[in-house]
Amino acid sequence: MTLVQHARRASAVFAALAVCAFVAAGASAAAYPERPIRMIVPFASGSNIDITARQIMPKFSEQLGQQVVVDNRGGAGGTIGAALAAKAAPDGYTLLMGNAPTHGLAPSMYRDLPYDPVKSFTPIVRISTQSFVLAITSTLPVKSVAELVKYAKARPRQLNYASSGNGTTAHLSGALFNVKAGVELVHIPYNTVPQALIDLGGGSVSVMFYPYQPLMPMIQQGRVRLLASTGPKRLSYLPELPTVIEAGISDFTAFAWHGFYAPAGTPKPIVDRLYKELAAIVAMPEFKTQMDANGAEPIASKSPEEFREMLRGQVDKYVKITKAIGIKLD
């Protein structure tokens, strides 16, 4: 057999193997899912993203015909859980519900991030966006953003603000407020959101930038007071609450977003199936009702590809912001 014949035979063998692999992957995707799916939530139980995940889970399980199990893996601003998901097998049985900290903030804040927010994942769909509120403990003798700024300027580094951890959107919101308002609030990171909320309500911490819904019970009890919202426009469910910009702090916006990801290399038919089911949930009236109660706006990206492009833009945005603020974490 000549060298040319050997080369042709080798090419034919490789082509046949590629076809077999493609057929096998297609067959596997067609049967998907055949067992329960793990949904990693990279923050503690009771956090805002955890609440949203558990609201989606029942309908998601029903539509897929398999149980979807929430696995909380909190810590390090969500990067521990995200890294775990990035290393999982790309077979559609491990998903991540990520957010701005895990896929926007982390690359610009952590020196040795164990994953790439774009390359290590296959983005599936963004499901919501969410503005924060600027909340203070009711023991603080201020009633507006202007009064808070005046009070804080007279007491540099005597007031503090809580967050759900280093590298989170709540952390960046407070740091950005310090820069834009010219104050020095001290950052107090918490491992769990419930403890941060308890300390805010009890007066151990003065300020917190966080979504409205988890704060609502303490607001109703009079232990926490709202001064402003952090989005580009007023919240539809709190129309009397001014934005931080309206309250006099120019060029200040802070909001979160949530989305689903699979490990890089997950077969496209599986990603397409997951996108279809999750986008359908986002479009349901009952999901909008749940998101309204959470203070969030349900909005699905038009495709996995559009979501990927959004992520790239978010990474670039936060690199610029954190460089201007001077935040960097080990």
Protein backbone atom coordinates (compact mmCIF):
# COMPACT_ATOMS: atom_id res chain seq x y z
CA MET A 1 0.00 0.00 0.00
CA THR A 2 1.40 3.37 -1.02
CA LEU A 3 1.79 6.35 1.28
CA VAL A 4 -1.06 8.07 -0.54
CA GLN A 5 -3.33 5.04 0.07
CA HIS A 6 -2.34 4.99 3.77
CA ALA A 7 -3.16 8.69 4.05
CA ARG A 8 -6.53 8.21 2.37
CA ARG A 9 -7.40 5.27 4.66
CA ALA A 10 -6.38 7.25 7.75
CA SER A 11 -8.52 10.18 6.63
CA ALA A 12 -11.48 7.86 6.08
CA VAL A 13 -11.04 6.34 9.56
CA PHE A 14 -10.86 9.75 11.24
CA ALA A 15 -13.92 10.92 9.32
CA ALA A 16 -15.86 7.82 10.37
CA LEU A 17 -14.86 8.33 14.00
CA ALA A 18 -15.96 11.97 13.84
CA VAL A 19 -19.34 10.94 12.40
CA CYS A 20 -19.77 8.31 15.14
CA ALA A 21 -18.90 10.86 17.82
CA PHE A 22 -21.35 13.35 16.33
CA VAL A 23 -24.13 10.75 16.15
CA ALA A 24 -23.44 9.63 19.72
CA ALA A 25 -23.50 13.22 20.99
CA GLY A 26 -26.73 13.84 19.10
CA ALA A 27 -28.33 10.72 20.54
CA SER A 28 -27.22 11.69 24.04
CA ALA A 29 -28.60 15.20 23.61
CA ALA A 30 -31.88 13.85 22.26
CA ALA A 31 -32.36 11.71 25.37
CA TYR A 32 -31.37 14.56 27.72
CA PRO A 33 -32.06 14.75 30.58
CA GLU A 34 -31.97 11.17 31.86
CA ARG A 35 -31.17 11.93 35.51
CA PRO A 36 -31.46 14.81 38.04
CA ILE A 37 -29.69 18.09 37.30
CA ARG A 38 -27.58 19.99 39.81
CA MET A 39 -28.07 23.76 39.83
CA ILE A 40 -25.12 25.38 41.63
CA VAL A 41 -26.04 28.64 43.36
CA PRO A 42 -22.74 30.29 44.35
CA PHE A 43 -24.19 32.12 47.35
CA ALA A 44 -25.68 31.04 50.67
CA SER A 45 -29.23 29.90 51.22
CA GLY A 46 -31.52 32.87 51.74
CA SER A 47 -29.53 35.19 49.49
CA ASN A 48 -31.29 37.08 46.73
CA ILE A 49 -30.01 34.81 43.96
CA ASP A 50 -30.94 31.72 46.00
CA ILE A 51 -34.53 32.96 46.34
CA THR A 52 -34.76 33.41 42.56
CA ALA A 53 -33.25 29.96 41.90
CA ARG A 54 -35.78 28.25 44.15
CA GLN A 55 -38.64 30.09 42.47
CA ILE A 56 -37.53 28.78 39.08
CA MET A 57 -36.68 25.25 40.21
CA PRO A 58 -40.20 23.68 40.41
CA LYS A 59 -41.28 24.76 36.93
CA PHE A 60 -37.86 23.99 35.47
CA SER A 61 -38.03 20.46 36.91
CA GLU A 62 -41.53 20.01 35.51
CA GLN A 63 -40.58 21.10 32.00
CA LEU A 64 -37.43 18.98 31.86
CA GLY A 65 -39.12 15.92 33.35
CA GLN A 66 -36.29 15.53 35.85
CA GLN A 67 -35.61 16.90 39.32
CA VAL A 68 -33.46 20.04 39.47
CA VAL A 69 -31.59 20.23 42.78
CA VAL A 70 -30.21 23.51 44.15
CA ASP A 71 -26.66 23.16 45.51
CA ASN A 72 -25.56 26.23 47.49
CA ARG A 73 -21.78 26.76 47.30
CA GLY A 74 -21.18 30.24 48.71
CA GLY A 75 -17.97 32.11 49.42
CA ALA A 76 -15.47 34.53 47.87
CA GLY A 77 -18.08 36.64 46.12
CA GLY A 78 -19.57 33.64 44.35
CA THR A 79 -16.30 32.56 42.76
CA ILE A 80 -16.04 29.28 44.70
CA GLY A 81 -19.31 27.96 43.30
CA ALA A 82 -18.58 29.34 39.84
CA ALA A 83 -15.18 27.62 39.77
CA LEU A 84 -16.82 24.35 40.79
CA ALA A 85 -19.31 24.63 37.94
CA ALA A 86 -16.57 25.50 35.43
CA LYS A 87 -14.75 22.25 36.25
CA ALA A 88 -17.84 20.05 35.98
CA ALA A 89 -18.42 17.67 33.08
CA PRO A 90 -19.96 19.50 30.09
CA ASP A 91 -22.93 17.15 29.85
CA GLY A 92 -25.79 19.40 30.93
CA TYR A 93 -26.15 17.83 34.38
CA THR A 94 -24.37 20.64 36.23
CA LEU A 95 -25.60 24.19 35.70
CA LEU A 96 -24.66 27.46 37.35
CA MET A 97 -26.92 30.34 38.23
CA GLY A 98 -24.48 33.21 38.07
CA ASN A 99 -24.73 36.96 38.36
CA ALA A 100 -22.80 40.21 38.06
CA PRO A 101 -20.26 39.29 40.78
CA THR A 102 -19.39 35.89 39.30
CA HIS A 103 -19.30 36.94 35.63
CA GLY A 104 -18.82 40.71 35.58
CA LEU A 105 -16.97 41.84 38.68
CA ALA A 106 -14.75 38.85 39.48
CA PRO A 107 -12.25 39.20 36.58
CA SER A 108 -11.39 42.74 37.58
CA MET A 109 -11.28 42.14 41.34
CA TYR A 110 -9.51 38.80 41.86
CA ARG A 111 -5.85 38.42 40.91
CA ASP A 112 -5.94 34.64 40.48
CA LEU A 113 -9.49 33.86 39.37
CA PRO A 114 -9.73 30.08 38.80
CA TYR A 115 -11.97 30.45 35.74
CA ASP A 116 -12.62 32.74 32.79
CA PRO A 117 -16.18 34.15 32.96
CA VAL A 118 -16.64 33.81 29.21
CA LYS A 119 -14.29 31.04 28.03
CA SER A 120 -14.93 28.62 30.93
CA PHE A 121 -18.69 28.56 30.40
CA THR A 122 -21.37 28.14 27.81
CA PRO A 123 -23.84 30.96 28.55
CA ILE A 124 -27.46 29.85 28.30
CA VAL A 125 -29.78 32.74 29.13
CA ARG A 126 -30.01 35.90 31.21
CA ILE A 127 -33.29 35.81 33.13
CA SER A 128 -33.56 39.12 35.03
CA THR A 129 -32.10 42.45 36.02
CA GLN A 130 -32.51 44.04 39.44
CA SER A 131 -31.86 47.47 40.90
CA PHE A 132 -30.79 47.92 44.51
CA VAL A 133 -31.97 50.26 47.23
CA LEU A 134 -29.80 52.37 49.52
CA ALA A 135 -30.95 51.25 52.98
CA ILE A 136 -29.84 52.56 56.38
CA THR A 137 -30.43 51.43 59.93
CA SER A 138 -33.28 53.47 61.44
CA THR A 139 -31.05 54.46 64.35
CA LEU A 140 -29.09 56.69 61.96
CA PRO A 141 -30.45 60.27 62.28
CA VAL A 142 -30.75 61.00 58.55
CA LYS A 143 -33.75 61.05 56.21
CA SER A 144 -32.20 61.63 52.78
CA VAL A 145 -29.11 60.92 50.71
CA ALA A 146 -27.96 64.51 51.13
CA GLU A 147 -28.25 64.18 54.92
CA LEU A 148 -26.38 60.87 54.85
CA VAL A 149 -23.53 62.41 52.86
CA LYS A 150 -23.31 65.39 55.23
CA TYR A 151 -23.41 63.12 58.28
CA ALA A 152 -20.76 60.76 56.87
CA LYS A 153 -18.42 63.59 55.82
CA ALA A 154 -18.48 64.88 59.39
CA ARG A 155 -17.56 61.38 60.62
CA PRO A 156 -14.98 59.89 58.21
CA ARG A 157 -14.60 56.11 58.60
CA GLN A 158 -17.05 56.06 61.53
CA LEU A 159 -19.95 54.70 59.45
CA ASN A 160 -19.86 51.34 57.72
CA TYR A 161 -21.75 49.48 55.02
CA ALA A 162 -22.56 45.79 54.82
CA SER A 163 -22.31 43.57 51.77
CA SER A 164 -22.89 39.93 50.97
CA GLY A 165 -19.15 39.45 50.53
CA ASN A 166 -16.03 40.84 48.89
CA GLY A 167 -16.37 41.21 45.16
CA THR A 168 -20.17 41.38 45.14
CA THR A 169 -22.32 44.04 43.52
CA ALA A 170 -23.28 45.28 47.00
CA HIS A 171 -19.57 45.74 47.78
CA LEU A 172 -18.92 47.65 44.56
CA SER A 173 -22.04 49.79 45.09
CA GLY A 174 -20.74 51.03 48.44
CA ALA A 175 -17.24 51.63 47.07
CA LEU A 176 -18.67 53.55 44.13
CA PHE A 177 -20.84 55.61 46.51
CA ASN A 178 -17.74 56.50 48.52
CA VAL A 179 -16.05 57.84 45.40
CA LYS A 180 -19.04 59.67 43.91
CA ALA A 181 -20.27 61.15 47.21
CA GLY A 182 -16.82 61.90 48.63
CA VAL A 183 -17.38 59.94 51.84
CA GLU A 184 -15.52 57.17 53.67
CA LEU A 185 -17.90 54.38 54.61
CA VAL A 186 -16.02 51.30 55.85
CA HIS A 187 -16.84 48.04 54.06
CA ILE A 188 -17.98 45.10 56.23
CA PRO A 189 -18.25 41.89 54.16
CA TYR A 190 -20.50 39.10 55.43
CA ASN A 191 -20.44 35.39 54.63
CA THR A 192 -24.22 35.17 54.79
CA VAL A 193 -26.87 37.70 53.78
CA PRO A 194 -29.24 36.95 56.71
CA GLN A 195 -26.58 37.97 59.23
CA ALA A 196 -25.86 41.19 57.33
CA LEU A 197 -29.57 42.03 57.35
CA ILE A 198 -29.85 41.27 61.07
CA ASP A 199 -26.93 43.58 61.84
CA LEU A 200 -28.35 46.34 59.63
CA GLY A 201 -31.69 46.10 61.41
CA GLY A 202 -29.96 46.05 64.78
CA GLY A 203 -27.74 49.03 64.05
CA SER A 204 -24.39 47.18 64.06
CA VAL A 205 -23.90 48.38 60.49
CA SER A 206 -25.18 51.69 59.13
CA VAL A 207 -25.76 51.25 55.40
CA MET A 208 -26.43 48.51 52.87
CA PHE A 209 -26.97 48.50 49.11
CA TYR A 210 -29.20 45.52 48.38
CA PRO A 211 -32.40 44.43 46.60
CA TYR A 212 -35.64 45.56 48.21
CA GLN A 213 -37.42 42.26 48.85
CA PRO A 214 -35.12 40.75 51.53
CA LEU A 215 -35.16 44.11 53.35
CA MET A 216 -38.94 44.51 53.28
CA PRO A 217 -39.78 42.84 56.66
CA MET A 218 -37.37 45.13 58.52
CA ILE A 219 -38.62 48.17 56.63
CA GLN A 220 -42.18 47.32 57.69
CA GLN A 221 -40.98 46.89 61.29
CA GLY A 222 -39.36 50.33 61.20
CA ARG A 223 -35.85 49.00 61.76
CA VAL A 224 -34.57 49.96 58.32
CA ARG A 225 -35.17 53.11 56.27
CA LEU A 226 -34.83 53.56 52.49
CA LEU A 227 -33.17 56.65 51.05
CA ALA A 228 -32.93 55.93 47.32
CA SER A 229 -32.82 53.30 44.57
CA THR A 230 -29.68 52.67 42.56
CA GLY A 231 -30.94 52.09 39.03
CA PRO A 232 -31.15 54.56 36.13
CA LYS A 233 -34.87 55.12 36.79
CA ARG A 234 -37.29 54.88 39.71
CA LEU A 235 -38.63 51.49 40.73
CA SER A 236 -42.19 50.84 39.56
CA TYR A 237 -43.12 49.34 42.93
CA LEU A 238 -41.53 52.22 44.90
CA PRO A 239 -42.42 55.24 42.73
CA GLU A 240 -41.93 57.77 45.55
CA LEU A 241 -38.33 56.67 46.17
CA PRO A 242 -35.83 58.83 44.26
CA THR A 243 -32.82 57.38 42.48
CA VAL A 244 -29.36 58.13 43.87
CA ILE A 245 -28.79 60.33 40.82
CA GLU A 246 -31.98 62.29 41.51
CA ALA A 247 -30.82 62.64 45.12
CA GLY A 248 -27.75 64.52 43.94
CA ILE A 249 -25.00 61.90 43.33
CA SER A 250 -24.20 62.17 39.64
CA ASP A 251 -23.21 59.24 37.43
CA PHE A 252 -24.18 56.59 40.00
CA THR A 253 -26.00 53.42 38.98
CA ALA A 254 -25.74 49.91 40.38
CA PHE A 255 -27.87 46.90 39.50
CA ALA A 256 -27.64 43.13 39.42
CA TRP A 257 -28.50 40.52 36.81
CA HIS A 258 -28.97 36.77 36.96
CA GLY A 259 -28.37 34.14 34.34
CA PHE A 260 -27.76 30.45 33.69
CA TYR A 261 -24.53 28.86 32.47
CA ALA A 262 -23.22 25.41 31.62
CA PRO A 263 -19.56 24.35 31.57
CA ALA A 264 -17.70 25.16 28.35
CA GLY A 265 -18.10 22.44 25.74
CA THR A 266 -21.68 21.52 26.60
CA PRO A 267 -23.31 20.22 23.37
CA LYS A 268 -25.34 22.82 21.51
CA PRO A 269 -28.54 20.72 21.36
CA ILE A 270 -28.53 20.56 25.17
CA VAL A 271 -27.85 24.30 25.48
CA ASP A 272 -30.66 25.01 23.02
CA ARG A 273 -33.06 22.84 25.02
CA LEU A 274 -32.12 24.57 28.27
CA TYR A 275 -32.48 28.00 26.67
CA LYS A 276 -35.91 27.11 25.32
CA GLU A 277 -37.21 25.91 28.70
CA LEU A 278 -35.73 28.76 30.75
CA ALA A 279 -36.83 31.48 28.31
CA ALA A 280 -40.34 30.01 28.44
CA ILE A 281 -40.34 30.30 32.25
CA VAL A 282 -39.18 33.93 32.08
CA ALA A 283 -42.12 34.72 29.78
CA MET A 284 -44.71 33.25 32.19
CA PRO A 285 -46.98 35.74 34.01
CA GLU A 286 -46.46 33.92 37.30
CA PHE A 287 -42.70 34.36 37.00
CA LYS A 288 -43.18 38.08 36.43
CA THR A 289 -45.30 38.21 39.59
CA GLN A 290 -42.50 36.49 41.54
CA MET A 291 -39.87 38.83 40.11
CA ASP A 292 -42.01 41.88 40.89
CA ALA A 293 -42.12 40.71 44.50
CA ASN A 294 -38.32 40.38 44.42
CA GLY A 295 -37.91 43.82 42.94
CA ALA A 296 -36.55 42.39 39.69
CA GLU A 297 -37.47 42.67 36.03
CA PRO A 298 -37.77 39.38 34.11
CA ILE A 299 -35.98 39.69 30.80
CA ALA A 300 -34.57 36.83 28.74
CA SER A 301 -31.68 37.32 26.37
CA LYS A 302 -32.71 36.65 22.78
CA SER A 303 -30.23 33.78 22.43
CA PRO A 304 -27.23 32.18 24.16
CA GLU A 305 -25.02 34.11 21.74
CA GLU A 306 -26.54 37.44 22.75
CA PHE A 307 -25.97 36.56 26.40
CA ARG A 308 -22.31 35.81 25.67
CA GLU A 309 -21.85 39.21 24.05
CA MET A 310 -23.51 40.89 27.05
CA LEU A 311 -21.06 39.12 29.36
CA ARG A 312 -18.09 40.38 27.38
CA GLY A 313 -19.43 43.92 27.68
CA GLN A 314 -20.00 43.54 31.43
CA VAL A 315 -16.44 42.33 32.02
CA ASP A 316 -15.05 45.35 30.15
CA LYS A 317 -17.35 47.72 32.08
CA TYR A 318 -16.33 46.48 35.52
CA VAL A 319 -12.63 46.46 34.68
CA LYS A 320 -12.89 50.20 34.05
CA ILE A 321 -14.95 50.86 37.20
CA THR A 322 -12.78 48.84 39.61
CA LYS A 323 -9.61 50.37 38.17
CA ALA A 324 -11.04 53.85 38.77
CA ILE A 325 -12.07 52.94 42.33
CA GLY A 326 -8.87 51.05 43.09
CA ILE A 327 -10.36 47.77 44.35
CA LYS A 328 -8.38 44.54 44.02
CA LEU A 329 -8.79 41.29 45.97
CA ASP A 330 -6.39 38.40 46.53
